[in-house]
């Protein structure tokens, strides 16, 4: 299933909400916007977030995070990190900070999407319309 303009808009809004939440929760985070979200204690930071689960046809699946090659290259060059957030109705339920160099070694395309479960190494059992951890 491909994303729609509505789902892309919702995803963008969710991302902005999580960036704002990080700014509130971590006062030393300096939000900059643009290609890279900001700086935390002198380290470049890109914030990525996704929904815990999303509707996929008649089933549900784990949400996915969207990464771009340009952002990743910038983070690699500056020894930057990703702040990864999984949300459920705008509430953060899982979080992780990981060095960009440890997340991906290379990109085959301009972008990469990954389910949060693969990044967090959590197995999810899909039972028709229900996801459980």
N, C-alpha and C. Protein backbone atom coordinates (compact mmCIF):
# COMPACT_ATOMS: atom_id res chain seq x y z
N UNK A 1 0.84 -1.16 0.00
CA UNK A 1 0.00 0.00 0.00
C UNK A 1 0.89 1.24 0.00
N UNK A 2 0.64 2.15 -0.89
CA UNK A 2 1.43 3.37 -0.98
C UNK A 2 0.80 4.46 -0.14
N UNK A 3 1.60 5.45 0.22
CA UNK A 3 1.07 6.54 1.02
C UNK A 3 0.21 7.46 0.16
N UNK A 4 -0.75 8.08 0.80
CA UNK A 4 -1.61 9.05 0.13
C UNK A 4 -1.20 10.44 0.58
N UNK A 5 -1.74 11.45 -0.07
CA UNK A 5 -1.44 12.81 0.36
C UNK A 5 -1.90 13.03 1.80
N UNK A 6 -3.05 12.43 2.14
CA UNK A 6 -3.56 12.56 3.50
C UNK A 6 -2.62 11.91 4.51
N UNK A 7 -2.14 10.68 4.21
CA UNK A 7 -1.25 10.01 5.16
C UNK A 7 0.10 10.71 5.23
N UNK A 8 0.58 11.27 4.11
CA UNK A 8 1.83 12.02 4.13
C UNK A 8 1.69 13.28 4.97
N UNK A 9 0.55 13.96 4.85
CA UNK A 9 0.31 15.17 5.65
C UNK A 9 0.24 14.83 7.13
N UNK A 10 -0.46 13.74 7.45
CA UNK A 10 -0.58 13.31 8.85
C UNK A 10 0.79 12.94 9.40
N UNK A 11 1.59 12.27 8.59
CA UNK A 11 2.95 11.89 9.00
C UNK A 11 3.81 13.12 9.27
N UNK A 12 3.70 14.11 8.40
CA UNK A 12 4.45 15.35 8.57
C UNK A 12 4.03 16.06 9.86
N UNK A 13 2.72 16.13 10.11
CA UNK A 13 2.22 16.76 11.34
C UNK A 13 2.70 16.00 12.57
N UNK A 14 2.66 14.66 12.52
CA UNK A 14 3.15 13.85 13.64
C UNK A 14 4.63 14.13 13.90
N UNK A 15 5.41 14.25 12.82
CA UNK A 15 6.84 14.55 12.96
C UNK A 15 7.06 15.89 13.64
N UNK A 16 6.32 16.91 13.23
CA UNK A 16 6.44 18.25 13.84
C UNK A 16 6.05 18.20 15.32
N UNK A 17 5.01 17.42 15.63
CA UNK A 17 4.58 17.27 17.02
C UNK A 17 5.70 16.66 17.86
N UNK A 18 6.36 15.63 17.33
CA UNK A 18 7.43 14.98 18.08
C UNK A 18 8.66 15.87 18.21
N UNK A 19 8.98 16.64 17.18
CA UNK A 19 10.09 17.60 17.28
C UNK A 19 9.81 18.61 18.38
N UNK A 20 8.58 19.09 18.45
CA UNK A 20 8.19 20.03 19.49
C UNK A 20 8.27 19.39 20.87
N UNK A 21 7.86 18.12 20.95
CA UNK A 21 7.89 17.40 22.22
C UNK A 21 9.33 17.24 22.72
N UNK A 22 10.26 16.93 21.81
CA UNK A 22 11.67 16.81 22.20
C UNK A 22 12.19 18.16 22.70
N UNK A 23 11.81 19.23 22.04
CA UNK A 23 12.23 20.57 22.47
C UNK A 23 11.74 20.87 23.88
N UNK A 24 10.54 20.39 24.22
CA UNK A 24 9.99 20.59 25.56
C UNK A 24 10.67 19.70 26.59
N UNK A 25 10.88 18.44 26.23
CA UNK A 25 11.41 17.45 27.18
C UNK A 25 12.91 17.59 27.43
N UNK A 26 13.64 18.08 26.43
CA UNK A 26 15.10 18.20 26.56
C UNK A 26 15.47 19.67 26.34
N UNK A 27 15.51 20.46 27.41
CA UNK A 27 15.77 21.90 27.26
C UNK A 27 17.09 22.23 26.55
N UNK A 28 18.08 21.35 26.62
CA UNK A 28 19.36 21.64 25.98
C UNK A 28 19.32 21.35 24.47
N UNK A 29 18.22 20.77 23.97
CA UNK A 29 18.09 20.55 22.53
C UNK A 29 17.79 21.88 21.84
N UNK A 30 18.62 22.21 20.86
CA UNK A 30 18.44 23.45 20.11
C UNK A 30 17.84 23.12 18.75
N UNK A 31 16.55 23.37 18.61
CA UNK A 31 15.87 23.08 17.34
C UNK A 31 16.32 24.09 16.29
N UNK A 32 16.68 23.58 15.09
CA UNK A 32 17.11 24.44 14.01
C UNK A 32 16.25 24.31 12.77
N UNK A 33 15.59 23.16 12.60
CA UNK A 33 14.80 22.93 11.40
C UNK A 33 15.71 22.74 10.21
N UNK A 34 15.17 22.81 9.03
CA UNK A 34 15.98 22.61 7.84
C UNK A 34 16.31 21.15 7.61
N UNK A 35 17.47 20.90 7.01
CA UNK A 35 17.86 19.53 6.66
C UNK A 35 18.04 18.65 7.89
N UNK A 36 18.65 19.19 8.93
CA UNK A 36 18.84 18.47 10.19
C UNK A 36 18.08 19.22 11.27
N UNK A 37 17.41 18.46 12.15
CA UNK A 37 16.51 19.08 13.12
C UNK A 37 17.19 19.98 14.14
N UNK A 38 18.37 19.59 14.65
CA UNK A 38 18.97 20.44 15.66
C UNK A 38 20.26 19.89 16.24
N UNK A 39 20.59 20.46 17.41
CA UNK A 39 21.85 20.12 18.08
C UNK A 39 21.54 19.83 19.55
N UNK A 40 22.15 18.79 20.07
CA UNK A 40 22.03 18.43 21.48
C UNK A 40 23.44 18.25 22.03
N UNK A 41 23.81 19.11 22.95
CA UNK A 41 25.14 19.05 23.56
C UNK A 41 26.26 19.01 22.51
N UNK A 42 26.12 19.82 21.48
CA UNK A 42 27.13 19.92 20.44
C UNK A 42 27.08 18.85 19.37
N UNK A 43 26.09 17.96 19.43
CA UNK A 43 25.97 16.85 18.47
C UNK A 43 24.77 17.10 17.56
N UNK A 44 24.97 16.91 16.25
CA UNK A 44 23.85 17.03 15.31
C UNK A 44 22.82 15.94 15.57
N UNK A 45 21.54 16.32 15.52
CA UNK A 45 20.45 15.40 15.82
C UNK A 45 19.37 15.49 14.75
N UNK A 46 18.94 14.34 14.28
CA UNK A 46 17.77 14.25 13.42
C UNK A 46 16.73 13.43 14.18
N UNK A 47 15.52 13.96 14.28
CA UNK A 47 14.44 13.28 14.99
C UNK A 47 13.58 12.54 13.98
N UNK A 48 13.37 11.27 14.21
CA UNK A 48 12.50 10.46 13.37
C UNK A 48 11.43 9.85 14.25
N UNK A 49 10.21 9.83 13.74
CA UNK A 49 9.12 9.25 14.51
C UNK A 49 8.15 8.53 13.60
N UNK A 50 7.35 7.68 14.21
CA UNK A 50 6.29 6.99 13.47
C UNK A 50 5.24 6.53 14.47
N UNK A 51 4.12 6.13 13.93
CA UNK A 51 3.04 5.57 14.74
C UNK A 51 3.40 4.16 15.18
N UNK A 52 2.91 3.76 16.33
CA UNK A 52 3.09 2.41 16.84
C UNK A 52 2.53 1.40 15.85
N UNK A 53 1.33 1.64 15.38
CA UNK A 53 0.73 0.78 14.38
C UNK A 53 -0.13 1.63 13.45
N UNK A 54 -0.25 1.16 12.22
CA UNK A 54 -1.06 1.86 11.22
C UNK A 54 -1.95 0.86 10.51
N UNK A 55 -3.05 1.36 10.01
CA UNK A 55 -3.97 0.52 9.24
C UNK A 55 -3.35 0.26 7.88
N UNK A 56 -3.37 -0.99 7.48
CA UNK A 56 -2.80 -1.42 6.19
C UNK A 56 -3.83 -2.32 5.53
N UNK A 57 -4.72 -1.72 4.75
CA UNK A 57 -5.82 -2.51 4.20
C UNK A 57 -6.75 -2.92 5.32
N UNK A 58 -7.03 -4.21 5.42
CA UNK A 58 -7.90 -4.69 6.51
C UNK A 58 -7.12 -5.10 7.75
N UNK A 59 -5.82 -4.97 7.68
CA UNK A 59 -4.96 -5.36 8.80
C UNK A 59 -4.24 -4.14 9.37
N UNK A 60 -3.47 -4.36 10.40
CA UNK A 60 -2.58 -3.32 10.92
C UNK A 60 -1.16 -3.81 10.81
N UNK A 61 -0.24 -2.86 10.78
CA UNK A 61 1.19 -3.20 10.75
C UNK A 61 1.93 -2.18 11.59
N UNK A 62 3.16 -2.47 11.90
CA UNK A 62 4.01 -1.53 12.63
C UNK A 62 4.27 -0.30 11.77
N UNK A 63 4.33 0.87 12.41
CA UNK A 63 4.65 2.10 11.69
C UNK A 63 6.08 2.07 11.16
N UNK A 64 6.34 2.94 10.19
CA UNK A 64 7.66 3.00 9.56
C UNK A 64 8.27 4.38 9.70
N UNK A 65 9.58 4.39 9.81
CA UNK A 65 10.34 5.65 9.84
C UNK A 65 10.95 5.88 8.47
N UNK A 66 11.03 7.14 8.09
CA UNK A 66 11.51 7.54 6.77
C UNK A 66 12.85 8.24 6.92
N UNK A 67 13.88 7.75 6.25
CA UNK A 67 15.23 8.30 6.32
C UNK A 67 15.66 8.74 4.93
N UNK A 68 16.36 9.89 4.86
CA UNK A 68 16.88 10.32 3.56
C UNK A 68 18.40 10.17 3.53
N UNK A 69 18.88 9.89 2.34
CA UNK A 69 20.32 9.70 2.14
C UNK A 69 21.10 10.97 2.50
N UNK A 70 20.58 12.13 2.11
CA UNK A 70 21.28 13.40 2.38
C UNK A 70 21.43 13.65 3.87
N UNK A 71 20.33 13.49 4.61
CA UNK A 71 20.41 13.67 6.07
C UNK A 71 21.40 12.70 6.67
N UNK A 72 21.34 11.46 6.23
CA UNK A 72 22.22 10.43 6.79
C UNK A 72 23.69 10.77 6.51
N UNK A 73 23.99 11.20 5.30
CA UNK A 73 25.37 11.58 4.97
C UNK A 73 25.85 12.72 5.86
N UNK A 74 24.98 13.70 6.08
CA UNK A 74 25.34 14.84 6.94
C UNK A 74 25.62 14.37 8.36
N UNK A 75 24.75 13.51 8.89
CA UNK A 75 24.96 12.98 10.24
C UNK A 75 26.24 12.16 10.33
N UNK A 76 26.50 11.33 9.32
CA UNK A 76 27.73 10.53 9.31
C UNK A 76 28.97 11.42 9.33
N UNK A 77 28.97 12.46 8.51
CA UNK A 77 30.13 13.35 8.40
C UNK A 77 30.40 14.09 9.70
N UNK A 78 29.35 14.33 10.49
CA UNK A 78 29.49 15.10 11.73
C UNK A 78 29.34 14.24 12.98
N UNK A 79 29.35 12.91 12.81
CA UNK A 79 29.19 11.98 13.94
C UNK A 79 27.88 12.23 14.69
N UNK A 80 26.82 12.48 13.91
CA UNK A 80 25.52 12.80 14.48
C UNK A 80 24.71 11.60 14.91
N UNK A 81 23.56 11.89 15.49
CA UNK A 81 22.68 10.85 16.02
C UNK A 81 21.25 11.05 15.55
N UNK A 82 20.50 9.97 15.64
CA UNK A 82 19.05 10.02 15.45
C UNK A 82 18.39 9.87 16.82
N UNK A 83 17.36 10.65 17.05
CA UNK A 83 16.45 10.39 18.16
C UNK A 83 15.24 9.74 17.51
N UNK A 84 14.96 8.50 17.88
CA UNK A 84 13.88 7.72 17.27
C UNK A 84 12.73 7.59 18.26
N UNK A 85 11.54 7.96 17.81
CA UNK A 85 10.37 7.97 18.67
C UNK A 85 9.24 7.17 18.04
N UNK A 86 8.60 6.35 18.84
CA UNK A 86 7.40 5.64 18.42
C UNK A 86 6.26 6.21 19.24
N UNK A 87 5.19 6.60 18.54
CA UNK A 87 4.10 7.26 19.24
C UNK A 87 2.78 6.52 19.04
N UNK A 88 1.91 6.72 20.01
CA UNK A 88 0.56 6.20 19.93
C UNK A 88 -0.34 7.35 20.37
N UNK A 89 -1.09 7.90 19.43
CA UNK A 89 -1.93 9.08 19.71
C UNK A 89 -1.14 10.21 20.35
N UNK A 90 -0.01 10.55 19.76
CA UNK A 90 0.87 11.66 20.19
C UNK A 90 1.57 11.42 21.52
N UNK A 91 1.46 10.23 22.07
CA UNK A 91 2.19 9.89 23.29
C UNK A 91 3.37 9.01 22.91
N UNK A 92 4.56 9.38 23.36
CA UNK A 92 5.75 8.58 23.06
C UNK A 92 5.72 7.32 23.90
N UNK A 93 5.78 6.17 23.23
CA UNK A 93 5.74 4.90 23.96
C UNK A 93 7.06 4.13 23.86
N UNK A 94 7.90 4.47 22.87
CA UNK A 94 9.24 3.89 22.76
C UNK A 94 10.16 5.00 22.25
N UNK A 95 11.38 5.00 22.73
CA UNK A 95 12.36 5.98 22.24
C UNK A 95 13.75 5.36 22.26
N UNK A 96 14.60 5.92 21.42
CA UNK A 96 15.97 5.40 21.32
C UNK A 96 16.83 6.49 20.69
N UNK A 97 18.04 6.63 21.18
CA UNK A 97 19.03 7.51 20.55
C UNK A 97 20.12 6.61 20.02
N UNK A 98 20.44 6.76 18.73
CA UNK A 98 21.43 5.89 18.12
C UNK A 98 22.31 6.71 17.18
N UNK A 99 23.61 6.42 17.21
CA UNK A 99 24.52 7.07 16.27
C UNK A 99 24.15 6.68 14.85
N UNK A 100 24.19 7.66 13.96
CA UNK A 100 23.85 7.39 12.56
C UNK A 100 24.71 6.28 11.98
N UNK A 101 25.98 6.26 12.34
CA UNK A 101 26.91 5.26 11.81
C UNK A 101 26.53 3.84 12.23
N UNK A 102 25.81 3.70 13.32
CA UNK A 102 25.42 2.37 13.78
C UNK A 102 24.08 1.93 13.20
N UNK A 103 23.32 2.86 12.64
CA UNK A 103 22.00 2.52 12.14
C UNK A 103 22.05 1.94 10.73
N UNK A 104 22.72 2.64 9.81
CA UNK A 104 22.82 2.17 8.42
C UNK A 104 24.25 2.37 7.92
N UNK A 105 24.70 1.44 7.12
CA UNK A 105 26.02 1.62 6.50
C UNK A 105 25.90 2.31 5.16
N UNK A 106 24.81 2.03 4.42
CA UNK A 106 24.64 2.67 3.12
C UNK A 106 23.17 2.70 2.72
N UNK A 107 22.88 3.53 1.73
CA UNK A 107 21.54 3.63 1.15
C UNK A 107 21.62 3.16 -0.30
N UNK A 108 20.67 2.38 -0.72
CA UNK A 108 20.62 1.95 -2.11
C UNK A 108 19.92 3.00 -2.98
N UNK A 109 19.06 3.81 -2.34
CA UNK A 109 18.28 4.85 -3.02
C UNK A 109 18.44 6.16 -2.26
N UNK A 110 17.68 7.17 -2.67
CA UNK A 110 17.71 8.48 -2.02
C UNK A 110 17.06 8.44 -0.63
N UNK A 111 16.28 7.43 -0.36
CA UNK A 111 15.58 7.32 0.92
C UNK A 111 15.48 5.86 1.34
N UNK A 112 15.09 5.67 2.59
CA UNK A 112 14.93 4.33 3.14
C UNK A 112 13.80 4.39 4.16
N UNK A 113 12.93 3.40 4.13
CA UNK A 113 11.91 3.29 5.17
C UNK A 113 12.12 1.97 5.90
N UNK A 114 11.91 2.01 7.20
CA UNK A 114 12.07 0.82 8.03
C UNK A 114 10.99 0.80 9.10
N UNK A 115 10.46 -0.37 9.37
CA UNK A 115 9.51 -0.47 10.47
C UNK A 115 10.26 -0.22 11.78
N UNK A 116 9.57 0.42 12.70
CA UNK A 116 10.23 0.72 13.97
C UNK A 116 10.64 -0.57 14.69
N UNK A 117 9.91 -1.66 14.45
CA UNK A 117 10.24 -2.92 15.13
C UNK A 117 11.59 -3.45 14.69
N UNK A 118 11.93 -3.25 13.42
CA UNK A 118 13.24 -3.74 12.96
C UNK A 118 14.37 -2.89 13.55
N UNK A 119 14.14 -1.61 13.71
CA UNK A 119 15.15 -0.72 14.27
C UNK A 119 15.32 -0.97 15.77
N UNK A 120 14.21 -1.18 16.46
CA UNK A 120 14.25 -1.39 17.91
C UNK A 120 14.47 -2.86 18.26
N UNK A 121 14.53 -3.72 17.23
CA UNK A 121 14.72 -5.16 17.43
C UNK A 121 13.67 -5.76 18.35
N UNK A 122 12.42 -5.41 18.08
CA UNK A 122 11.30 -5.93 18.86
C UNK A 122 10.46 -6.78 17.92
N UNK A 123 10.10 -7.97 18.37
CA UNK A 123 9.23 -8.82 17.57
C UNK A 123 7.78 -8.48 17.87
N UNK A 124 7.01 -8.30 16.81
CA UNK A 124 5.59 -8.02 16.96
C UNK A 124 4.83 -9.16 16.32
N UNK A 125 3.81 -9.61 17.00
CA UNK A 125 2.98 -10.69 16.49
C UNK A 125 1.70 -10.08 15.96
N UNK A 126 1.44 -10.29 14.69
CA UNK A 126 0.25 -9.72 14.06
C UNK A 126 -0.87 -10.75 14.07
N UNK A 127 -1.91 -10.47 14.81
CA UNK A 127 -3.08 -11.35 14.89
C UNK A 127 -4.26 -10.61 14.29
N UNK A 128 -4.43 -10.73 12.98
CA UNK A 128 -5.43 -10.04 12.19
C UNK A 128 -5.36 -8.54 12.41
N UNK A 129 -6.20 -7.95 13.24
CA UNK A 129 -6.25 -6.50 13.40
C UNK A 129 -5.53 -6.02 14.66
N UNK A 130 -4.73 -6.85 15.26
CA UNK A 130 -4.13 -6.50 16.54
C UNK A 130 -2.63 -6.72 16.51
N UNK A 131 -1.89 -5.76 17.02
CA UNK A 131 -0.43 -5.92 17.16
C UNK A 131 -0.13 -5.94 18.65
N UNK A 132 0.64 -6.91 19.06
CA UNK A 132 1.06 -6.98 20.46
C UNK A 132 2.57 -7.10 20.52
N UNK A 133 3.15 -6.55 21.56
CA UNK A 133 4.59 -6.63 21.74
C UNK A 133 4.88 -7.72 22.75
